[in-house]
């Protein structure tokens, strides 16, 4: 089994796709007005309008309602990423901080309020977790 993607349901696919393009430096593949993807070497962030799940009725995911998931990206240099992100209108939750588990981490929110974590492993133990 291979993890493939996470899908964010939103009311504004173009706005959130543009945000993730700026944050990641990766272009969004926009298939329709209702669907776009940010494709990375290890997984994809799918961005879909609420219209794509309306057939689920009351069980459909609600845009901008996430309070339990953090979308995480391992980056080469979280401090450099932070400096680059400061040029955009980003809602930062914290500045780069070294966590007890050995990752240097930066938390911010996307336009729908979802938490995003950019992190860089910095201790020998953390680096070992990501050896290929």
N, C-alpha and C. Protein backbone atom coordinates (compact mmCIF):
# COMPACT_ATOMS: atom_id res chain seq x y z
N UNK A 1 0.85 -1.17 0.00
CA UNK A 1 0.00 0.00 0.00
C UNK A 1 0.90 1.24 0.00
N UNK A 2 0.48 2.27 -0.74
CA UNK A 2 1.21 3.53 -0.80
C UNK A 2 0.24 4.67 -0.54
N UNK A 3 0.62 5.54 0.36
CA UNK A 3 -0.18 6.75 0.58
C UNK A 3 -0.15 7.58 -0.69
N UNK A 4 -1.31 8.04 -1.16
CA UNK A 4 -1.38 8.76 -2.43
C UNK A 4 -1.63 10.26 -2.26
N UNK A 5 -2.65 10.61 -1.45
CA UNK A 5 -2.99 12.03 -1.37
C UNK A 5 -3.86 12.32 -0.16
N UNK A 6 -3.99 13.60 0.06
CA UNK A 6 -4.97 14.13 1.01
C UNK A 6 -5.81 15.11 0.20
N UNK A 7 -7.11 15.12 0.43
CA UNK A 7 -7.99 16.02 -0.33
C UNK A 7 -8.57 17.06 0.62
N UNK A 8 -8.46 18.29 0.22
CA UNK A 8 -9.04 19.41 0.96
C UNK A 8 -10.28 19.86 0.22
N UNK A 9 -11.40 19.88 0.91
CA UNK A 9 -12.65 20.38 0.35
C UNK A 9 -12.74 21.86 0.69
N UNK A 10 -13.02 22.67 -0.32
CA UNK A 10 -12.99 24.13 -0.17
C UNK A 10 -14.12 24.78 -0.95
N UNK A 11 -14.42 26.00 -0.60
CA UNK A 11 -15.39 26.78 -1.38
C UNK A 11 -14.72 27.57 -2.49
N UNK A 12 -13.37 27.60 -2.52
CA UNK A 12 -12.65 28.40 -3.52
C UNK A 12 -11.38 27.67 -3.94
N UNK A 13 -11.51 26.78 -4.92
CA UNK A 13 -10.37 25.97 -5.38
C UNK A 13 -9.24 26.86 -5.89
N UNK A 14 -9.54 27.87 -6.67
CA UNK A 14 -8.49 28.71 -7.23
C UNK A 14 -7.70 29.41 -6.13
N UNK A 15 -8.38 29.95 -5.14
CA UNK A 15 -7.70 30.67 -4.06
C UNK A 15 -6.76 29.74 -3.29
N UNK A 16 -7.23 28.55 -2.93
CA UNK A 16 -6.40 27.65 -2.13
C UNK A 16 -5.30 27.03 -2.98
N UNK A 17 -5.56 26.79 -4.27
CA UNK A 17 -4.52 26.28 -5.16
C UNK A 17 -3.40 27.31 -5.31
N UNK A 18 -3.77 28.56 -5.47
CA UNK A 18 -2.77 29.63 -5.58
C UNK A 18 -1.95 29.72 -4.30
N UNK A 19 -2.60 29.60 -3.15
CA UNK A 19 -1.89 29.62 -1.87
C UNK A 19 -0.84 28.50 -1.82
N UNK A 20 -1.25 27.26 -2.13
CA UNK A 20 -0.32 26.14 -2.06
C UNK A 20 0.77 26.23 -3.12
N UNK A 21 0.49 26.84 -4.26
CA UNK A 21 1.54 27.09 -5.24
C UNK A 21 2.61 28.00 -4.65
N UNK A 22 2.17 29.08 -4.02
CA UNK A 22 3.12 30.02 -3.41
C UNK A 22 3.88 29.37 -2.26
N UNK A 23 3.17 28.64 -1.40
CA UNK A 23 3.79 28.05 -0.22
C UNK A 23 4.80 26.96 -0.58
N UNK A 24 4.47 26.13 -1.57
CA UNK A 24 5.33 24.99 -1.89
C UNK A 24 6.28 25.25 -3.05
N UNK A 25 5.98 26.24 -3.87
CA UNK A 25 6.77 26.47 -5.06
C UNK A 25 6.45 25.48 -6.18
N UNK A 26 5.41 24.67 -5.99
CA UNK A 26 5.00 23.69 -6.98
C UNK A 26 3.77 24.21 -7.73
N UNK A 27 3.73 24.05 -9.05
CA UNK A 27 2.54 24.49 -9.79
C UNK A 27 1.35 23.56 -9.51
N UNK A 28 0.18 24.13 -9.50
CA UNK A 28 -1.04 23.34 -9.35
C UNK A 28 -1.49 22.86 -10.72
N UNK A 29 -1.88 21.61 -10.78
CA UNK A 29 -2.50 21.08 -11.99
C UNK A 29 -4.00 21.29 -11.82
N UNK A 30 -4.55 22.22 -12.58
CA UNK A 30 -5.96 22.56 -12.47
C UNK A 30 -6.72 21.79 -13.55
N UNK A 31 -7.47 20.77 -13.12
CA UNK A 31 -8.21 19.92 -14.06
C UNK A 31 -9.52 20.58 -14.47
N UNK A 32 -10.22 21.16 -13.51
CA UNK A 32 -11.48 21.86 -13.74
C UNK A 32 -11.57 23.00 -12.73
N UNK A 33 -12.63 23.78 -12.77
CA UNK A 33 -12.84 24.80 -11.75
C UNK A 33 -13.07 24.17 -10.38
N UNK A 34 -13.43 22.89 -10.36
CA UNK A 34 -13.75 22.19 -9.12
C UNK A 34 -12.62 21.32 -8.58
N UNK A 35 -11.49 21.23 -9.29
CA UNK A 35 -10.46 20.29 -8.84
C UNK A 35 -9.08 20.71 -9.31
N UNK A 36 -8.13 20.68 -8.38
CA UNK A 36 -6.72 20.96 -8.69
C UNK A 36 -5.87 20.07 -7.80
N UNK A 37 -4.60 19.91 -8.19
CA UNK A 37 -3.68 19.09 -7.41
C UNK A 37 -2.32 19.77 -7.34
N UNK A 38 -1.69 19.65 -6.17
CA UNK A 38 -0.29 19.99 -5.99
C UNK A 38 0.41 18.64 -5.87
N UNK A 39 1.20 18.31 -6.86
CA UNK A 39 1.82 16.99 -6.91
C UNK A 39 3.28 17.10 -6.47
N UNK A 40 3.64 16.32 -5.45
CA UNK A 40 5.03 16.28 -4.99
C UNK A 40 5.59 14.89 -5.26
N UNK A 41 6.85 14.70 -4.98
CA UNK A 41 7.47 13.40 -5.23
C UNK A 41 6.96 12.32 -4.29
N UNK A 42 6.36 12.70 -3.17
CA UNK A 42 5.93 11.70 -2.18
C UNK A 42 4.43 11.65 -1.96
N UNK A 43 3.68 12.53 -2.53
CA UNK A 43 2.23 12.54 -2.35
C UNK A 43 1.62 13.78 -2.99
N UNK A 44 0.32 13.81 -2.98
CA UNK A 44 -0.42 14.88 -3.65
C UNK A 44 -1.40 15.53 -2.69
N UNK A 45 -1.54 16.84 -2.82
CA UNK A 45 -2.63 17.54 -2.15
C UNK A 45 -3.68 17.80 -3.21
N UNK A 46 -4.82 17.15 -3.06
CA UNK A 46 -5.94 17.36 -3.97
C UNK A 46 -6.81 18.46 -3.37
N UNK A 47 -7.27 19.35 -4.21
CA UNK A 47 -8.08 20.49 -3.79
C UNK A 47 -9.38 20.43 -4.57
N UNK A 48 -10.49 20.25 -3.87
CA UNK A 48 -11.76 20.03 -4.56
C UNK A 48 -12.84 20.93 -3.97
N UNK A 49 -13.74 21.36 -4.84
CA UNK A 49 -14.84 22.20 -4.38
C UNK A 49 -15.87 21.36 -3.63
N UNK A 50 -16.66 22.03 -2.83
CA UNK A 50 -17.72 21.34 -2.08
C UNK A 50 -18.70 20.67 -3.03
N UNK A 51 -18.80 21.17 -4.26
CA UNK A 51 -19.71 20.55 -5.24
C UNK A 51 -19.33 19.10 -5.53
N UNK A 52 -18.04 18.75 -5.38
CA UNK A 52 -17.59 17.40 -5.72
C UNK A 52 -18.04 16.36 -4.71
N UNK A 53 -18.50 16.79 -3.55
CA UNK A 53 -18.93 15.84 -2.51
C UNK A 53 -20.38 16.03 -2.10
N UNK A 54 -21.11 16.89 -2.79
CA UNK A 54 -22.49 17.19 -2.37
C UNK A 54 -23.39 15.96 -2.41
N UNK A 55 -23.05 14.95 -3.23
CA UNK A 55 -23.84 13.74 -3.28
C UNK A 55 -23.81 12.94 -1.99
N UNK A 56 -22.89 13.28 -1.09
CA UNK A 56 -22.82 12.60 0.20
C UNK A 56 -23.82 13.17 1.20
N UNK A 57 -24.53 14.22 0.81
CA UNK A 57 -25.56 14.80 1.67
C UNK A 57 -25.01 15.28 3.00
N UNK A 58 -25.70 14.93 4.07
CA UNK A 58 -25.32 15.39 5.41
C UNK A 58 -23.95 14.86 5.84
N UNK A 59 -23.47 13.80 5.20
CA UNK A 59 -22.17 13.22 5.54
C UNK A 59 -21.01 13.85 4.78
N UNK A 60 -21.29 14.83 3.93
CA UNK A 60 -20.25 15.46 3.11
C UNK A 60 -19.30 16.28 3.98
N UNK A 61 -18.01 16.27 3.65
CA UNK A 61 -17.07 17.14 4.35
C UNK A 61 -17.46 18.60 4.13
N UNK A 62 -17.23 19.42 5.14
CA UNK A 62 -17.56 20.85 5.07
C UNK A 62 -16.30 21.67 4.90
N UNK A 63 -16.28 22.57 3.95
CA UNK A 63 -15.10 23.43 3.75
C UNK A 63 -14.78 24.23 5.01
N UNK A 64 -13.50 24.44 5.23
CA UNK A 64 -12.99 25.28 6.32
C UNK A 64 -13.44 24.81 7.70
N UNK A 65 -13.68 23.52 7.87
CA UNK A 65 -14.16 23.00 9.16
C UNK A 65 -13.14 22.09 9.85
N UNK A 66 -11.92 21.96 9.30
CA UNK A 66 -10.94 21.05 9.87
C UNK A 66 -10.36 21.60 11.16
N UNK A 67 -10.36 20.78 12.19
CA UNK A 67 -9.73 21.15 13.46
C UNK A 67 -8.91 19.99 14.01
N UNK A 68 -8.60 19.00 13.14
CA UNK A 68 -7.90 17.82 13.67
C UNK A 68 -6.73 17.34 12.82
N UNK A 69 -6.49 17.92 11.66
CA UNK A 69 -5.44 17.45 10.77
C UNK A 69 -4.44 18.57 10.52
N UNK A 70 -3.16 18.19 10.50
CA UNK A 70 -2.10 19.13 10.13
C UNK A 70 -1.46 18.59 8.85
N UNK A 71 -1.38 19.40 7.83
CA UNK A 71 -0.78 19.02 6.55
C UNK A 71 0.71 19.33 6.66
N UNK A 72 1.55 18.30 6.49
CA UNK A 72 2.97 18.47 6.77
C UNK A 72 3.84 18.27 5.54
N UNK A 73 4.84 19.13 5.42
CA UNK A 73 5.82 19.07 4.34
C UNK A 73 7.21 19.08 4.95
N UNK A 74 8.04 18.11 4.59
CA UNK A 74 9.44 18.14 4.98
C UNK A 74 10.16 19.01 3.94
N UNK A 75 10.87 20.02 4.42
CA UNK A 75 11.59 20.95 3.55
C UNK A 75 13.07 20.91 3.88
N UNK A 76 13.90 21.32 2.94
CA UNK A 76 15.34 21.29 3.15
C UNK A 76 15.80 22.24 4.26
N UNK A 77 15.18 23.41 4.33
CA UNK A 77 15.60 24.43 5.30
C UNK A 77 14.38 25.23 5.73
N UNK A 78 13.84 24.90 6.88
CA UNK A 78 12.60 25.53 7.34
C UNK A 78 12.79 27.03 7.60
N UNK A 79 13.98 27.43 8.02
CA UNK A 79 14.21 28.85 8.26
C UNK A 79 14.19 29.65 6.96
N UNK A 80 14.78 29.08 5.91
CA UNK A 80 14.73 29.71 4.59
C UNK A 80 13.29 29.73 4.06
N UNK A 81 12.57 28.64 4.24
CA UNK A 81 11.16 28.59 3.82
C UNK A 81 10.36 29.69 4.53
N UNK A 82 10.61 29.88 5.82
CA UNK A 82 9.93 30.93 6.58
C UNK A 82 10.21 32.30 5.98
N UNK A 83 11.48 32.57 5.69
CA UNK A 83 11.83 33.86 5.10
C UNK A 83 11.12 34.05 3.76
N UNK A 84 11.04 33.01 2.95
CA UNK A 84 10.35 33.10 1.66
C UNK A 84 8.84 33.32 1.84
N UNK A 85 8.24 32.65 2.81
CA UNK A 85 6.79 32.77 3.03
C UNK A 85 6.39 34.14 3.56
N UNK A 86 7.30 34.84 4.22
CA UNK A 86 6.96 36.14 4.80
C UNK A 86 6.56 37.17 3.75
N UNK A 87 6.90 36.92 2.47
CA UNK A 87 6.51 37.86 1.41
C UNK A 87 5.03 37.75 1.05
N UNK A 88 4.39 36.67 1.50
CA UNK A 88 2.98 36.45 1.20
C UNK A 88 2.13 36.76 2.43
N UNK A 89 0.85 36.90 2.23
CA UNK A 89 -0.08 37.15 3.34
C UNK A 89 -0.38 35.81 4.01
N UNK A 90 0.48 35.42 4.95
CA UNK A 90 0.38 34.12 5.62
C UNK A 90 -0.01 34.34 7.08
N UNK A 91 -0.92 33.52 7.57
CA UNK A 91 -1.31 33.53 8.98
C UNK A 91 -0.39 32.56 9.73
N UNK A 92 0.74 33.08 10.22
CA UNK A 92 1.69 32.24 10.94
C UNK A 92 1.18 31.93 12.33
N UNK A 93 1.34 30.68 12.74
CA UNK A 93 0.98 30.24 14.09
C UNK A 93 2.21 30.34 14.98
N UNK A 94 3.38 30.01 14.43
CA UNK A 94 4.63 30.17 15.16
C UNK A 94 5.76 30.38 14.17
N UNK A 95 6.87 30.86 14.68
CA UNK A 95 8.09 30.96 13.90
C UNK A 95 8.79 29.61 13.97
N UNK A 96 9.82 29.37 13.16
CA UNK A 96 10.53 28.10 13.25
C UNK A 96 11.02 27.83 14.68
N UNK A 97 10.69 26.64 15.14
CA UNK A 97 10.99 26.23 16.51
C UNK A 97 11.45 24.78 16.49
N UNK A 98 12.51 24.47 17.23
CA UNK A 98 12.98 23.09 17.30
C UNK A 98 12.14 22.34 18.33
N UNK A 99 11.49 21.27 17.87
CA UNK A 99 10.59 20.47 18.70
C UNK A 99 11.38 19.41 19.46
N UNK A 100 10.83 18.91 20.58
CA UNK A 100 11.53 17.89 21.38
C UNK A 100 11.84 16.61 20.60
N UNK A 101 11.10 16.32 19.52
CA UNK A 101 11.33 15.10 18.74
C UNK A 101 12.36 15.32 17.63
N UNK A 102 12.97 16.52 17.57
CA UNK A 102 14.10 16.74 16.69
C UNK A 102 13.83 17.43 15.37
N UNK A 103 12.60 17.84 15.12
CA UNK A 103 12.28 18.58 13.90
C UNK A 103 12.22 20.06 14.21
N UNK A 104 12.75 20.86 13.31
CA UNK A 104 12.55 22.31 13.37
C UNK A 104 11.30 22.59 12.56
N UNK A 105 10.32 23.22 13.19
CA UNK A 105 8.97 23.26 12.64
C UNK A 105 8.42 24.68 12.56
N UNK A 106 7.65 24.93 11.50
CA UNK A 106 6.96 26.20 11.28
C UNK A 106 5.50 25.89 11.00
N UNK A 107 4.60 26.43 11.79
CA UNK A 107 3.17 26.22 11.59
C UNK A 107 2.51 27.49 11.08
N UNK A 108 1.62 27.32 10.10
CA UNK A 108 0.83 28.43 9.58
C UNK A 108 -0.50 27.89 9.08
N UNK A 109 -1.41 28.77 8.71
CA UNK A 109 -2.73 28.37 8.25
C UNK A 109 -2.92 28.70 6.77
N UNK A 110 -3.61 27.79 6.08
CA UNK A 110 -3.97 28.08 4.69
C UNK A 110 -5.23 28.96 4.70
N UNK A 111 -5.70 29.42 3.54
CA UNK A 111 -6.86 30.34 3.51
C UNK A 111 -8.14 29.78 4.14
N UNK A 112 -8.27 28.45 4.22
CA UNK A 112 -9.45 27.85 4.85
C UNK A 112 -9.23 27.56 6.33
N UNK A 113 -8.08 27.94 6.86
CA UNK A 113 -7.80 27.75 8.28
C UNK A 113 -7.14 26.42 8.62
N UNK A 114 -6.84 25.58 7.62
CA UNK A 114 -6.16 24.32 7.88
C UNK A 114 -4.74 24.59 8.33
N UNK A 115 -4.27 23.84 9.32
CA UNK A 115 -2.90 23.99 9.77
C UNK A 115 -1.94 23.32 8.80
N UNK A 116 -0.84 24.01 8.51
CA UNK A 116 0.22 23.50 7.64
C UNK A 116 1.52 23.56 8.44
N UNK A 117 2.29 22.48 8.39
CA UNK A 117 3.57 22.42 9.07
C UNK A 117 4.68 22.20 8.04
N UNK A 118 5.62 23.12 7.99
CA UNK A 118 6.85 22.91 7.25
C UNK A 118 7.88 22.53 8.30
N UNK A 119 8.62 21.43 8.07
CA UNK A 119 9.60 21.02 9.06
C UNK A 119 10.87 20.51 8.40
N UNK A 120 11.96 20.62 9.16
CA UNK A 120 13.25 20.09 8.76
C UNK A 120 13.79 19.27 9.93
N UNK A 121 14.12 17.99 9.71
CA UNK A 121 14.76 17.22 10.77
C UNK A 121 16.15 17.80 11.05
N UNK A 122 16.47 17.99 12.34
CA UNK A 122 17.76 18.62 12.65
C UNK A 122 18.62 17.81 13.62
N UNK A 123 18.05 16.91 14.40
CA UNK A 123 18.86 16.11 15.31
C UNK A 123 19.24 14.80 14.61
N UNK A 124 20.29 14.13 15.07
CA UNK A 124 20.65 12.85 14.46
C UNK A 124 19.51 11.84 14.45
N UNK A 125 18.75 11.78 15.54
CA UNK A 125 17.62 10.85 15.61
C UNK A 125 16.54 11.19 14.58
N UNK A 126 16.24 12.47 14.46
CA UNK A 126 15.22 12.90 13.49
C UNK A 126 15.71 12.66 12.06
N UNK A 127 16.95 12.96 11.80
CA UNK A 127 17.50 12.73 10.46
C UNK A 127 17.46 11.25 10.10
N UNK A 128 17.71 10.40 11.06
CA UNK A 128 17.71 8.95 10.81
C UNK A 128 16.32 8.46 10.37
N UNK A 129 15.26 9.08 10.90
CA UNK A 129 13.89 8.67 10.53
C UNK A 129 13.62 8.87 9.04
N UNK A 130 14.35 9.78 8.42
CA UNK A 130 14.06 10.12 7.02
C UNK A 130 15.15 9.63 6.06
N UNK A 131 16.06 8.80 6.54
CA UNK A 131 17.07 8.23 5.65
C UNK A 131 16.39 7.32 4.64
N UNK A 132 16.85 7.37 3.43
CA UNK A 132 16.28 6.51 2.37
C UNK A 132 17.13 5.30 2.20
